[in-house]
N, C-alpha and C. Protein backbone atom coordinates (compact mmCIF):
# COMPACT_ATOMS: atom_id res chain seq x y z
N MET A 1 -1.64 -5.23 -1.82
CA MET A 1 -1.06 -6.41 -1.24
C MET A 1 -1.71 -6.63 0.12
N ARG A 2 -2.08 -7.85 0.38
CA ARG A 2 -2.70 -8.16 1.65
C ARG A 2 -1.66 -8.79 2.57
N LEU A 3 -1.57 -8.25 3.76
CA LEU A 3 -0.67 -8.78 4.76
C LEU A 3 -1.48 -9.09 6.01
N SER A 4 -1.10 -10.16 6.67
CA SER A 4 -1.78 -10.50 7.92
C SER A 4 -1.41 -9.48 8.99
N ARG A 5 -2.18 -9.44 10.02
CA ARG A 5 -1.92 -8.53 11.14
C ARG A 5 -0.53 -8.79 11.73
N ASP A 6 -0.17 -10.07 11.84
CA ASP A 6 1.15 -10.42 12.38
C ASP A 6 2.28 -9.88 11.50
N LYS A 7 2.11 -9.97 10.20
CA LYS A 7 3.15 -9.47 9.29
C LYS A 7 3.26 -7.95 9.36
N VAL A 8 2.13 -7.27 9.46
CA VAL A 8 2.15 -5.81 9.58
C VAL A 8 2.85 -5.43 10.89
N ASN A 9 2.55 -6.16 11.96
CA ASN A 9 3.22 -5.90 13.24
C ASN A 9 4.72 -6.13 13.13
N LYS A 10 5.13 -7.18 12.45
CA LYS A 10 6.55 -7.47 12.28
C LYS A 10 7.24 -6.35 11.51
N VAL A 11 6.62 -5.89 10.42
CA VAL A 11 7.19 -4.80 9.64
C VAL A 11 7.28 -3.53 10.50
N ALA A 12 6.26 -3.27 11.30
CA ALA A 12 6.27 -2.10 12.18
C ALA A 12 7.41 -2.19 13.18
N HIS A 13 7.65 -3.39 13.72
CA HIS A 13 8.77 -3.59 14.65
C HIS A 13 10.10 -3.32 13.94
N VAL A 14 10.26 -3.85 12.75
CA VAL A 14 11.51 -3.66 12.00
C VAL A 14 11.75 -2.19 11.71
N ILE A 15 10.71 -1.47 11.28
CA ILE A 15 10.84 -0.05 10.99
C ILE A 15 11.19 0.73 12.25
N THR A 16 10.48 0.44 13.33
CA THR A 16 10.75 1.13 14.59
C THR A 16 12.17 0.87 15.07
N ASP A 17 12.62 -0.38 14.98
CA ASP A 17 14.00 -0.71 15.37
C ASP A 17 15.01 0.03 14.50
N ALA A 18 14.74 0.10 13.20
CA ALA A 18 15.66 0.80 12.28
C ALA A 18 15.71 2.29 12.61
N LEU A 19 14.56 2.87 12.91
CA LEU A 19 14.54 4.29 13.29
C LEU A 19 15.29 4.53 14.59
N ALA A 20 15.13 3.64 15.54
CA ALA A 20 15.79 3.78 16.84
C ALA A 20 17.31 3.73 16.70
N GLU A 21 17.81 3.01 15.72
CA GLU A 21 19.25 2.89 15.52
C GLU A 21 19.87 4.10 14.81
N MET A 22 19.05 4.94 14.22
CA MET A 22 19.55 6.11 13.49
C MET A 22 19.92 7.22 14.47
N ASP A 23 21.11 7.76 14.28
CA ASP A 23 21.57 8.86 15.14
C ASP A 23 20.73 10.12 14.95
N ALA A 24 20.22 10.33 13.76
CA ALA A 24 19.47 11.54 13.45
C ALA A 24 18.03 11.50 13.96
N VAL A 25 17.60 10.36 14.52
CA VAL A 25 16.22 10.21 14.97
C VAL A 25 16.19 10.14 16.49
N GLU A 26 15.30 10.94 17.06
CA GLU A 26 15.11 10.92 18.51
C GLU A 26 13.61 10.73 18.77
N PHE A 27 13.27 9.71 19.53
CA PHE A 27 11.86 9.45 19.84
C PHE A 27 11.41 10.37 20.96
N LEU A 28 10.28 11.03 20.74
CA LEU A 28 9.67 11.86 21.77
C LEU A 28 8.63 11.07 22.56
N GLU A 29 8.24 9.93 22.02
CA GLU A 29 7.29 9.03 22.66
C GLU A 29 8.00 7.71 22.92
N ASP A 30 7.36 6.85 23.71
CA ASP A 30 7.98 5.55 23.94
C ASP A 30 7.93 4.70 22.67
N ARG A 31 8.77 3.72 22.63
CA ARG A 31 8.95 2.90 21.42
C ARG A 31 7.66 2.21 20.97
N ASN A 32 6.87 1.73 21.93
CA ASN A 32 5.63 1.04 21.57
C ASN A 32 4.63 1.99 20.91
N THR A 33 4.56 3.22 21.38
CA THR A 33 3.67 4.21 20.77
C THR A 33 4.09 4.47 19.32
N ILE A 34 5.39 4.56 19.10
CA ILE A 34 5.91 4.77 17.75
C ILE A 34 5.55 3.56 16.88
N ARG A 35 5.75 2.36 17.41
CA ARG A 35 5.45 1.14 16.66
C ARG A 35 3.97 1.09 16.28
N LEU A 36 3.09 1.44 17.22
CA LEU A 36 1.66 1.43 16.94
C LEU A 36 1.28 2.43 15.85
N GLU A 37 1.93 3.59 15.87
CA GLU A 37 1.66 4.59 14.83
C GLU A 37 2.17 4.12 13.48
N VAL A 38 3.33 3.49 13.47
CA VAL A 38 3.87 2.93 12.22
C VAL A 38 2.91 1.88 11.68
N ARG A 39 2.41 1.01 12.57
CA ARG A 39 1.45 -0.02 12.15
C ARG A 39 0.18 0.60 11.58
N ARG A 40 -0.32 1.64 12.23
CA ARG A 40 -1.53 2.30 11.75
C ARG A 40 -1.30 2.90 10.35
N LEU A 41 -0.15 3.53 10.16
CA LEU A 41 0.17 4.11 8.86
C LEU A 41 0.32 3.03 7.78
N LEU A 42 0.96 1.93 8.13
CA LEU A 42 1.10 0.83 7.17
C LEU A 42 -0.26 0.27 6.77
N GLU A 43 -1.12 0.07 7.75
CA GLU A 43 -2.46 -0.45 7.45
C GLU A 43 -3.24 0.53 6.57
N GLU A 44 -3.10 1.81 6.84
CA GLU A 44 -3.77 2.84 6.04
C GLU A 44 -3.27 2.80 4.59
N LEU A 45 -1.95 2.71 4.43
CA LEU A 45 -1.38 2.64 3.08
C LEU A 45 -1.81 1.37 2.35
N LEU A 46 -1.82 0.26 3.03
CA LEU A 46 -2.24 -1.01 2.40
C LEU A 46 -3.70 -0.97 2.00
N ASN A 47 -4.54 -0.36 2.84
CA ASN A 47 -5.96 -0.23 2.50
C ASN A 47 -6.15 0.69 1.29
N GLN A 48 -5.38 1.76 1.26
CA GLN A 48 -5.45 2.69 0.12
C GLN A 48 -5.00 1.98 -1.16
N GLU A 49 -3.95 1.19 -1.07
CA GLU A 49 -3.46 0.45 -2.24
C GLU A 49 -4.51 -0.54 -2.72
N ALA A 50 -5.21 -1.19 -1.78
CA ALA A 50 -6.25 -2.15 -2.15
C ALA A 50 -7.40 -1.44 -2.88
N ARG A 51 -7.76 -0.24 -2.44
CA ARG A 51 -8.82 0.52 -3.11
C ARG A 51 -8.40 0.93 -4.51
N ILE A 52 -7.14 1.33 -4.67
CA ILE A 52 -6.62 1.70 -5.99
C ILE A 52 -6.64 0.48 -6.91
N ASP A 53 -6.19 -0.65 -6.40
CA ASP A 53 -6.18 -1.89 -7.17
C ASP A 53 -7.59 -2.25 -7.62
N GLN A 54 -8.54 -2.17 -6.70
CA GLN A 54 -9.93 -2.52 -7.02
C GLN A 54 -10.50 -1.58 -8.07
N ALA A 55 -10.19 -0.30 -7.97
CA ALA A 55 -10.69 0.67 -8.96
C ALA A 55 -10.12 0.38 -10.34
N ALA A 56 -8.83 0.06 -10.40
CA ALA A 56 -8.20 -0.25 -11.69
C ALA A 56 -8.82 -1.51 -12.29
N ARG A 57 -9.03 -2.53 -11.48
CA ARG A 57 -9.64 -3.77 -11.96
C ARG A 57 -11.07 -3.54 -12.43
N GLN A 58 -11.78 -2.70 -11.72
CA GLN A 58 -13.17 -2.42 -12.09
C GLN A 58 -13.23 -1.70 -13.44
N LYS A 59 -12.29 -0.79 -13.70
CA LYS A 59 -12.26 -0.10 -14.99
C LYS A 59 -11.99 -1.08 -16.12
N ILE A 60 -11.12 -2.05 -15.89
CA ILE A 60 -10.84 -3.05 -16.92
C ILE A 60 -12.07 -3.91 -17.17
N GLU A 61 -12.75 -4.31 -16.09
CA GLU A 61 -13.95 -5.14 -16.22
C GLU A 61 -15.09 -4.41 -16.90
N SER A 62 -15.08 -3.09 -16.85
CA SER A 62 -16.18 -2.33 -17.44
C SER A 62 -16.00 -2.12 -18.95
N GLN A 63 -14.90 -2.62 -19.51
CA GLN A 63 -14.68 -2.51 -20.95
C GLN A 63 -15.77 -3.29 -21.70
N LYS A 64 -16.07 -2.86 -22.91
CA LYS A 64 -17.12 -3.52 -23.69
C LYS A 64 -16.78 -4.98 -23.98
N ARG A 65 -15.52 -5.23 -24.23
CA ARG A 65 -15.14 -6.62 -24.51
C ARG A 65 -14.32 -7.16 -23.34
N THR A 66 -14.31 -8.46 -23.24
CA THR A 66 -13.60 -9.11 -22.15
C THR A 66 -12.09 -9.08 -22.41
N ILE A 67 -11.36 -8.65 -21.41
CA ILE A 67 -9.90 -8.63 -21.48
C ILE A 67 -9.41 -9.58 -20.40
N LEU A 68 -8.69 -10.59 -20.82
CA LEU A 68 -8.25 -11.63 -19.89
C LEU A 68 -7.10 -11.14 -19.01
N GLU A 69 -7.27 -11.37 -17.72
CA GLU A 69 -6.22 -11.01 -16.77
C GLU A 69 -4.96 -11.82 -17.09
N GLY A 70 -3.83 -11.16 -17.06
CA GLY A 70 -2.57 -11.82 -17.37
C GLY A 70 -2.12 -11.58 -18.80
N SER A 71 -3.04 -11.12 -19.64
CA SER A 71 -2.66 -10.82 -21.02
C SER A 71 -1.88 -9.51 -21.04
N GLN A 72 -1.17 -9.29 -22.13
CA GLN A 72 -0.37 -8.07 -22.25
C GLN A 72 -1.29 -6.85 -22.22
N GLU A 73 -2.42 -6.93 -22.90
CA GLU A 73 -3.36 -5.81 -22.92
C GLU A 73 -3.88 -5.50 -21.51
N TRP A 74 -4.20 -6.54 -20.75
CA TRP A 74 -4.69 -6.36 -19.38
C TRP A 74 -3.62 -5.67 -18.53
N ASP A 75 -2.39 -6.13 -18.65
CA ASP A 75 -1.29 -5.54 -17.88
C ASP A 75 -1.10 -4.06 -18.20
N ILE A 76 -1.17 -3.72 -19.49
CA ILE A 76 -1.01 -2.32 -19.90
C ILE A 76 -2.14 -1.47 -19.35
N LEU A 77 -3.38 -1.95 -19.49
CA LEU A 77 -4.52 -1.20 -18.97
C LEU A 77 -4.47 -1.08 -17.46
N TYR A 78 -4.07 -2.16 -16.80
CA TYR A 78 -3.99 -2.13 -15.34
C TYR A 78 -3.01 -1.06 -14.89
N ARG A 79 -1.82 -1.03 -15.47
CA ARG A 79 -0.82 0.00 -15.10
C ARG A 79 -1.36 1.40 -15.37
N LYS A 80 -2.02 1.57 -16.52
CA LYS A 80 -2.57 2.88 -16.88
C LYS A 80 -3.62 3.33 -15.86
N TYR A 81 -4.59 2.45 -15.59
CA TYR A 81 -5.67 2.81 -14.67
C TYR A 81 -5.16 2.94 -13.23
N TYR A 82 -4.22 2.11 -12.85
CA TYR A 82 -3.63 2.18 -11.51
C TYR A 82 -2.95 3.54 -11.33
N ASN A 83 -2.15 3.94 -12.32
CA ASN A 83 -1.46 5.22 -12.25
C ASN A 83 -2.44 6.39 -12.23
N GLU A 84 -3.54 6.28 -12.96
CA GLU A 84 -4.57 7.32 -12.95
C GLU A 84 -5.16 7.48 -11.55
N GLU A 85 -5.43 6.35 -10.89
CA GLU A 85 -6.00 6.38 -9.54
C GLU A 85 -5.00 6.97 -8.55
N VAL A 86 -3.75 6.66 -8.70
CA VAL A 86 -2.71 7.21 -7.83
C VAL A 86 -2.63 8.72 -8.02
N LYS A 87 -2.70 9.18 -9.27
CA LYS A 87 -2.64 10.62 -9.55
C LYS A 87 -3.84 11.35 -8.94
N LYS A 88 -5.01 10.70 -8.94
CA LYS A 88 -6.19 11.31 -8.33
C LYS A 88 -5.95 11.60 -6.85
N LEU A 89 -5.19 10.72 -6.20
CA LEU A 89 -4.91 10.91 -4.78
C LEU A 89 -3.77 11.88 -4.52
N GLY A 90 -3.07 12.26 -5.60
CA GLY A 90 -1.97 13.19 -5.46
C GLY A 90 -0.72 12.58 -4.86
N VAL A 91 -0.59 11.30 -5.04
CA VAL A 91 0.59 10.59 -4.49
C VAL A 91 1.73 10.65 -5.46
């Protein structure tokens, strides 16, 4: 999923605010440092997801016959290849 920088920042703010409200969470750094780290982690996860998506799509495209995106067969193969890529990463 592609998110704009502004949206990633907004999500990071929401997560940081939610963490700050939890009694079980104590920040050892200032709030902005925490927000920046959350943003960095979100961007890393989104980039990883994009690479997994691209790998799954590439495997489908490498089939001998053309499989139309949106077809039931394409959806099944996409889920299969996507899950294989996730397992490779140990997620």
